[in-house]
Amino acid sequence: MADRNEHAYFRYWGKARKEGEPDAPYHLLPYHCLDVAAVDAVLLERHGFLRARLARALTLPVPHARGDEPT
């Protein structure tokens, strides 16, 4: 049997709903992180200027995809 603390990250929430909003009172941290990563992946895929800006900020080579011109 797995230890209860094995997945301690499920004890934290990543986003809480505002007062009076329907749905669950909070969004568990692991699921919030997956949502953020999915949105970021789409943004970086569609917008070369964001990829270039992030790469420069992290001092990485500027990646190119789908014919994007270097920036």
PDB file of N, CA and C in Angstrom:
ATOM      1  N   MET A   1       0.850  -1.179   0.000  1.00  0.00           N
ATOM      2  CA  MET A   1       0.000   0.000   0.000  1.00  0.00           C
ATOM      3  C   MET A   1       0.895   1.241   0.000  1.00  0.00           C
ATOM      4  N   ALA A   2       0.508   2.247  -0.761  1.00  0.00           N
ATOM      5  CA  ALA A   2       1.295   3.487  -0.868  1.00  0.00           C
ATOM      6  C   ALA A   2       1.163   4.322   0.397  1.00  0.00           C
ATOM      7  N   ASP A   3       2.240   4.965   0.745  1.00  0.00           N
ATOM      8  CA  ASP A   3       2.249   5.873   1.885  1.00  0.00           C
ATOM      9  C   ASP A   3       1.385   7.086   1.576  1.00  0.00           C
ATOM     10  N   ARG A   4       0.642   7.579   2.534  1.00  0.00           N
ATOM     11  CA  ARG A   4      -0.251   8.731   2.324  1.00  0.00           C
ATOM     12  C   ARG A   4       0.511   9.972   1.907  1.00  0.00           C
ATOM     13  N   ASN A   5       1.768  10.090   2.315  1.00  0.00           N
ATOM     14  CA  ASN A   5       2.559  11.269   1.992  1.00  0.00           C
ATOM     15  C   ASN A   5       3.280  11.148   0.648  1.00  0.00           C
ATOM     16  N   GLU A   6       3.100  10.016  -0.022  1.00  0.00           N
ATOM     17  CA  GLU A   6       3.781   9.804  -1.293  1.00  0.00           C
ATOM     18  C   GLU A   6       3.425  10.900  -2.306  1.00  0.00           C
ATOM     19  N   HIS A   7       2.215  11.338  -2.296  1.00  0.00           N
ATOM     20  CA  HIS A   7       1.758  12.361  -3.232  1.00  0.00           C
ATOM     21  C   HIS A   7       1.299  13.595  -2.463  1.00  0.00           C
ATOM     22  N   ALA A   8       2.211  14.138  -1.685  1.00  0.00           N
ATOM     23  CA  ALA A   8       1.884  15.283  -0.828  1.00  0.00           C
ATOM     24  C   ALA A   8       1.447  16.499  -1.627  1.00  0.00           C
ATOM     25  N   TYR A   9       1.878  16.601  -2.888  1.00  0.00           N
ATOM     26  CA  TYR A   9       1.507  17.765  -3.694  1.00  0.00           C
ATOM     27  C   TYR A   9       0.001  17.863  -3.916  1.00  0.00           C
ATOM     28  N   PHE A  10      -0.730  16.788  -3.706  1.00  0.00           N
ATOM     29  CA  PHE A  10      -2.189  16.851  -3.831  1.00  0.00           C
ATOM     30  C   PHE A  10      -2.835  17.578  -2.650  1.00  0.00           C
ATOM     31  N   ARG A  11      -2.038  17.921  -1.648  1.00  0.00           N
ATOM     32  CA  ARG A  11      -2.586  18.663  -0.512  1.00  0.00           C
ATOM     33  C   ARG A  11      -2.649  20.170  -0.780  1.00  0.00           C
ATOM     34  N   TYR A  12      -2.071  20.604  -1.889  1.00  0.00           N
ATOM     35  CA  TYR A  12      -1.999  22.036  -2.186  1.00  0.00           C
ATOM     36  C   TYR A  12      -2.922  22.394  -3.338  1.00  0.00           C
ATOM     37  N   TRP A  13      -3.422  23.611  -3.306  1.00  0.00           N
ATOM     38  CA  TRP A  13      -4.266  24.069  -4.393  1.00  0.00           C
ATOM     39  C   TRP A  13      -3.507  25.123  -5.183  1.00  0.00           C
ATOM     40  N   GLY A  14      -3.803  25.186  -6.473  1.00  0.00           N
ATOM     41  CA  GLY A  14      -3.108  26.110  -7.346  1.00  0.00           C
ATOM     42  C   GLY A  14      -3.924  27.335  -7.672  1.00  0.00           C
ATOM     43  N   LYS A  15      -5.217  27.234  -7.554  1.00  0.00           N
ATOM     44  CA  LYS A  15      -6.080  28.364  -7.891  1.00  0.00           C
ATOM     45  C   LYS A  15      -7.408  28.160  -7.169  1.00  0.00           C
ATOM     46  N   ALA A  16      -7.872  29.206  -6.531  1.00  0.00           N
ATOM     47  CA  ALA A  16      -9.159  29.143  -5.840  1.00  0.00           C
ATOM     48  C   ALA A  16     -10.182  29.954  -6.620  1.00  0.00           C
ATOM     49  N   ARG A  17     -11.415  29.519  -6.554  1.00  0.00           N
ATOM     50  CA  ARG A  17     -12.459  30.285  -7.251  1.00  0.00           C
ATOM     51  C   ARG A  17     -12.811  31.514  -6.435  1.00  0.00           C
ATOM     52  N   LYS A  18     -13.368  32.489  -7.114  1.00  0.00           N
ATOM     53  CA  LYS A  18     -13.790  33.708  -6.429  1.00  0.00           C
ATOM     54  C   LYS A  18     -15.104  33.453  -5.709  1.00  0.00           C
ATOM     55  N   GLU A  19     -15.353  34.220  -4.701  1.00  0.00           N
ATOM     56  CA  GLU A  19     -16.585  34.111  -3.915  1.00  0.00           C
ATOM     57  C   GLU A  19     -17.798  34.200  -4.840  1.00  0.00           C
ATOM     58  N   GLY A  20     -18.706  33.268  -4.690  1.00  0.00           N
ATOM     59  CA  GLY A  20     -19.942  33.288  -5.451  1.00  0.00           C
ATOM     60  C   GLY A  20     -19.874  32.607  -6.799  1.00  0.00           C
ATOM     61  N   GLU A  21     -18.690  32.154  -7.238  1.00  0.00           N
ATOM     62  CA  GLU A  21     -18.580  31.449  -8.509  1.00  0.00           C
ATOM     63  C   GLU A  21     -18.968  29.992  -8.322  1.00  0.00           C
ATOM     64  N   PRO A  22     -19.579  29.398  -9.344  1.00  0.00           N
ATOM     65  CA  PRO A  22     -19.921  27.973  -9.253  1.00  0.00           C
ATOM     66  C   PRO A  22     -18.666  27.103  -9.406  1.00  0.00           C
ATOM     67  N   ASP A  23     -18.807  25.845  -9.390  1.00  0.00           N
ATOM     68  CA  ASP A  23     -17.742  24.855  -9.548  1.00  0.00           C
ATOM     69  C   ASP A  23     -17.040  24.576  -8.229  1.00  0.00           C
ATOM     70  N   ALA A  24     -15.965  23.826  -8.332  1.00  0.00           N
ATOM     71  CA  ALA A  24     -15.209  23.431  -7.137  1.00  0.00           C
ATOM     72  C   ALA A  24     -14.583  24.653  -6.472  1.00  0.00           C
ATOM     73  N   PRO A  25     -14.412  24.621  -5.156  1.00  0.00           N
ATOM     74  CA  PRO A  25     -13.849  25.778  -4.451  1.00  0.00           C
ATOM     75  C   PRO A  25     -12.366  26.006  -4.747  1.00  0.00           C
ATOM     76  N   TYR A  26     -11.671  24.997  -5.314  1.00  0.00           N
ATOM     77  CA  TYR A  26     -10.251  25.150  -5.624  1.00  0.00           C
ATOM     78  C   TYR A  26      -9.872  24.178  -6.731  1.00  0.00           C
ATOM     79  N   HIS A  27      -8.701  24.402  -7.298  1.00  0.00           N
ATOM     80  CA  HIS A  27      -8.151  23.580  -8.365  1.00  0.00           C
ATOM     81  C   HIS A  27      -6.835  23.034  -7.830  1.00  0.00           C
ATOM     82  N   LEU A  28      -6.699  21.727  -7.702  1.00  0.00           N
ATOM     83  CA  LEU A  28      -5.504  21.135  -7.116  1.00  0.00           C
ATOM     84  C   LEU A  28      -4.252  21.523  -7.898  1.00  0.00           C
ATOM     85  N   LEU A  29      -3.160  21.753  -7.186  1.00  0.00           N
ATOM     86  CA  LEU A  29      -1.916  22.244  -7.769  1.00  0.00           C
ATOM     87  C   LEU A  29      -1.430  21.426  -8.966  1.00  0.00           C
ATOM     88  N   PRO A  30      -1.388  20.093  -8.910  1.00  0.00           N
ATOM     89  CA  PRO A  30      -0.886  19.357 -10.077  1.00  0.00           C
ATOM     90  C   PRO A  30      -1.699  19.629 -11.336  1.00  0.00           C
ATOM     91  N   TYR A  31      -3.008  19.753 -11.200  1.00  0.00           N
ATOM     92  CA  TYR A  31      -3.862  19.998 -12.359  1.00  0.00           C
ATOM     93  C   TYR A  31      -3.719  21.437 -12.849  1.00  0.00           C
ATOM     94  N   HIS A  32      -3.539  22.366 -11.938  1.00  0.00           N
ATOM     95  CA  HIS A  32      -3.309  23.754 -12.321  1.00  0.00           C
ATOM     96  C   HIS A  32      -2.002  23.859 -13.115  1.00  0.00           C
ATOM     97  N   CYS A  33      -0.961  23.180 -12.658  1.00  0.00           N
ATOM     98  CA  CYS A  33       0.326  23.206 -13.361  1.00  0.00           C
ATOM     99  C   CYS A  33       0.204  22.611 -14.758  1.00  0.00           C
ATOM    100  N   LEU A  34      -0.555  21.541 -14.905  1.00  0.00           N
ATOM    101  CA  LEU A  34      -0.771  20.955 -16.230  1.00  0.00           C
ATOM    102  C   LEU A  34      -1.519  21.917 -17.144  1.00  0.00           C
ATOM    103  N   ASP A  35      -2.518  22.602 -16.613  1.00  0.00           N
ATOM    104  CA  ASP A  35      -3.256  23.598 -17.409  1.00  0.00           C
ATOM    105  C   ASP A  35      -2.338  24.717 -17.880  1.00  0.00           C
ATOM    106  N   VAL A  36      -1.513  25.223 -16.987  1.00  0.00           N
ATOM    107  CA  VAL A  36      -0.590  26.313 -17.326  1.00  0.00           C
ATOM    108  C   VAL A  36       0.402  25.844 -18.382  1.00  0.00           C
ATOM    109  N   ALA A  37       0.949  24.649 -18.223  1.00  0.00           N
ATOM    110  CA  ALA A  37       1.911  24.123 -19.190  1.00  0.00           C
ATOM    111  C   ALA A  37       1.271  23.947 -20.565  1.00  0.00           C
ATOM    112  N   ALA A  38       0.032  23.486 -20.614  1.00  0.00           N
ATOM    113  CA  ALA A  38      -0.649  23.300 -21.895  1.00  0.00           C
ATOM    114  C   ALA A  38      -0.866  24.635 -22.605  1.00  0.00           C
ATOM    115  N   VAL A  39      -1.281  25.647 -21.870  1.00  0.00           N
ATOM    116  CA  VAL A  39      -1.485  26.973 -22.457  1.00  0.00           C
ATOM    117  C   VAL A  39      -0.157  27.541 -22.942  1.00  0.00           C
ATOM    118  N   ASP A  40       0.891  27.407 -22.128  1.00  0.00           N
ATOM    119  CA  ASP A  40       2.208  27.901 -22.519  1.00  0.00           C
ATOM    120  C   ASP A  40       2.705  27.213 -23.785  1.00  0.00           C
ATOM    121  N   ALA A  41       2.495  25.910 -23.893  1.00  0.00           N
ATOM    122  CA  ALA A  41       2.937  25.172 -25.078  1.00  0.00           C
ATOM    123  C   ALA A  41       2.268  25.711 -26.337  1.00  0.00           C
ATOM    124  N   VAL A  42       0.987  25.978 -26.261  1.00  0.00           N
ATOM    125  CA  VAL A  42       0.263  26.521 -27.416  1.00  0.00           C
ATOM    126  C   VAL A  42       0.762  27.922 -27.749  1.00  0.00           C
ATOM    127  N   LEU A  43       0.925  28.766 -26.744  1.00  0.00           N
ATOM    128  CA  LEU A  43       1.409  30.131 -26.983  1.00  0.00           C
ATOM    129  C   LEU A  43       2.787  30.121 -27.624  1.00  0.00           C
ATOM    130  N   LEU A  44       3.687  29.301 -27.118  1.00  0.00           N
ATOM    131  CA  LEU A  44       5.039  29.260 -27.653  1.00  0.00           C
ATOM    132  C   LEU A  44       5.075  28.660 -29.060  1.00  0.00           C
ATOM    133  N   GLU A  45       4.178  27.718 -29.343  1.00  0.00           N
ATOM    134  CA  GLU A  45       4.113  27.132 -30.677  1.00  0.00           C
ATOM    135  C   GLU A  45       3.599  28.143 -31.700  1.00  0.00           C
ATOM    136  N   ARG A  46       2.630  28.935 -31.318  1.00  0.00           N
ATOM    137  CA  ARG A  46       1.982  29.861 -32.254  1.00  0.00           C
ATOM    138  C   ARG A  46       2.687  31.203 -32.406  1.00  0.00           C
ATOM    139  N   HIS A  47       3.492  31.584 -31.441  1.00  0.00           N
ATOM    140  CA  HIS A  47       4.067  32.933 -31.447  1.00  0.00           C
ATOM    141  C   HIS A  47       5.586  32.876 -31.330  1.00  0.00           C
ATOM    142  N   GLY A  48       6.237  32.995 -32.484  1.00  0.00           N
ATOM    143  CA  GLY A  48       7.690  32.929 -32.527  1.00  0.00           C
ATOM    144  C   GLY A  48       8.362  34.004 -31.691  1.00  0.00           C
ATOM    145  N   PHE A  49       7.749  35.199 -31.628  1.00  0.00           N
ATOM    146  CA  PHE A  49       8.370  36.270 -30.844  1.00  0.00           C
ATOM    147  C   PHE A  49       8.409  35.917 -29.358  1.00  0.00           C
ATOM    148  N   LEU A  50       7.423  35.151 -28.882  1.00  0.00           N
ATOM    149  CA  LEU A  50       7.453  34.720 -27.480  1.00  0.00           C
ATOM    150  C   LEU A  50       8.555  33.689 -27.252  1.00  0.00           C
ATOM    151  N   ARG A  51       8.690  32.745 -28.211  1.00  0.00           N
ATOM    152  CA  ARG A  51       9.772  31.754 -28.110  1.00  0.00           C
ATOM    153  C   ARG A  51      11.128  32.450 -28.074  1.00  0.00           C
ATOM    154  N   ALA A  52      11.311  33.422 -28.972  1.00  0.00           N
ATOM    155  CA  ALA A  52      12.591  34.123 -29.049  1.00  0.00           C
ATOM    156  C   ALA A  52      12.862  34.909 -27.769  1.00  0.00           C
ATOM    157  N   ARG A  53      11.853  35.570 -27.275  1.00  0.00           N
ATOM    158  CA  ARG A  53      12.030  36.375 -26.058  1.00  0.00           C
ATOM    159  C   ARG A  53      12.378  35.484 -24.860  1.00  0.00           C
ATOM    160  N   LEU A  54      11.684  34.363 -24.733  1.00  0.00           N
ATOM    161  CA  LEU A  54      11.966  33.445 -23.633  1.00  0.00           C
ATOM    162  C   LEU A  54      13.361  32.848 -23.777  1.00  0.00           C
ATOM    163  N   ALA A  55      13.726  32.454 -24.998  1.00  0.00           N
ATOM    164  CA  ALA A  55      15.054  31.881 -25.226  1.00  0.00           C
ATOM    165  C   ALA A  55      16.141  32.881 -24.855  1.00  0.00           C
ATOM    166  N   ARG A  56      15.967  34.140 -25.258  1.00  0.00           N
ATOM    167  CA  ARG A  56      16.967  35.156 -24.923  1.00  0.00           C
ATOM    168  C   ARG A  56      17.039  35.376 -23.412  1.00  0.00           C
ATOM    169  N   ALA A  57      15.898  35.394 -22.753  1.00  0.00           N
ATOM    170  CA  ALA A  57      15.877  35.599 -21.300  1.00  0.00           C
ATOM    171  C   ALA A  57      16.587  34.463 -20.568  1.00  0.00           C
ATOM    172  N   LEU A  58      16.516  33.261 -21.139  1.00  0.00           N
ATOM    173  CA  LEU A  58      17.157  32.096 -20.521  1.00  0.00           C
ATOM    174  C   LEU A  58      18.535  31.818 -21.109  1.00  0.00           C
ATOM    175  N   THR A  59      19.014  32.731 -21.963  1.00  0.00           N
ATOM    176  CA  THR A  59      20.295  32.599 -22.670  1.00  0.00           C
ATOM    177  C   THR A  59      20.408  31.247 -23.375  1.00  0.00           C
ATOM    178  N   LEU A  60      19.370  30.901 -24.124  1.00  0.00           N
ATOM    179  CA  LEU A  60      19.329  29.677 -24.924  1.00  0.00           C
ATOM    180  C   LEU A  60      19.295  30.063 -26.397  1.00  0.00           C
ATOM    181  N   PRO A  61      19.647  29.150 -27.280  1.00  0.00           N
ATOM    182  CA  PRO A  61      19.511  29.436 -28.710  1.00  0.00           C
ATOM    183  C   PRO A  61      18.043  29.697 -29.047  1.00  0.00           C
ATOM    184  N   VAL A  62      17.811  30.615 -29.952  1.00  0.00           N
ATOM    185  CA  VAL A  62      16.441  30.942 -30.343  1.00  0.00           C
ATOM    186  C   VAL A  62      15.916  29.829 -31.246  1.00  0.00           C
ATOM    187  N   PRO A  63      14.867  29.135 -30.817  1.00  0.00           N
ATOM    188  CA  PRO A  63      14.308  28.044 -31.634  1.00  0.00           C
ATOM    189  C   PRO A  63      13.450  28.601 -32.772  1.00  0.00           C
ATOM    190  N   HIS A  64      13.380  27.848 -33.855  1.00  0.00           N
ATOM    191  CA  HIS A  64      12.558  28.239 -35.006  1.00  0.00           C
ATOM    192  C   HIS A  64      11.621  27.087 -35.326  1.00  0.00           C
ATOM    193  N   ALA A  65      10.426  27.420 -35.722  1.00  0.00           N
ATOM    194  CA  ALA A  65       9.461  26.398 -36.109  1.00  0.00           C
ATOM    195  C   ALA A  65       8.524  26.974 -37.145  1.00  0.00           C
ATOM    196  N   ARG A  66       8.064  26.137 -38.035  1.00  0.00           N
ATOM    197  CA  ARG A  66       7.081  26.515 -39.051  1.00  0.00           C
ATOM    198  C   ARG A  66       7.511  27.755 -39.837  1.00  0.00           C
ATOM    199  N   GLY A  67       8.792  27.849 -40.164  1.00  0.00           N
ATOM    200  CA  GLY A  67       9.261  28.928 -41.005  1.00  0.00           C
ATOM    201  C   GLY A  67       9.396  30.269 -40.335  1.00  0.00           C
ATOM    202  N   ASP A  68       9.360  30.328 -39.018  1.00  0.00           N
ATOM    203  CA  ASP A  68       9.526  31.621 -38.332  1.00  0.00           C
ATOM    204  C   ASP A  68      10.889  32.191 -38.639  1.00  0.00           C
ATOM    205  N   GLU A  69      10.945  33.462 -38.866  1.00  0.00           N
ATOM    206  CA  GLU A  69      12.204  34.155 -39.117  1.00  0.00           C
ATOM    207  C   GLU A  69      12.909  34.415 -37.801  1.00  0.00           C
ATOM    208  N   PRO A  70      14.240  34.416 -37.802  1.00  0.00           N
ATOM    209  CA  PRO A  70      14.965  34.757 -36.572  1.00  0.00           C
ATOM    210  C   PRO A  70      14.614  36.168 -36.114  1.00  0.00           C
ATOM    211  N   THR A  71      14.615  36.364 -34.811  1.00  0.00           N
ATOM    212  CA  THR A  71      14.309  37.698 -34.273  1.00  0.00           C
ATOM    213  C   THR A  71      15.486  38.225 -33.498  1.00  0.00           C
TER     214      THR A  71
END
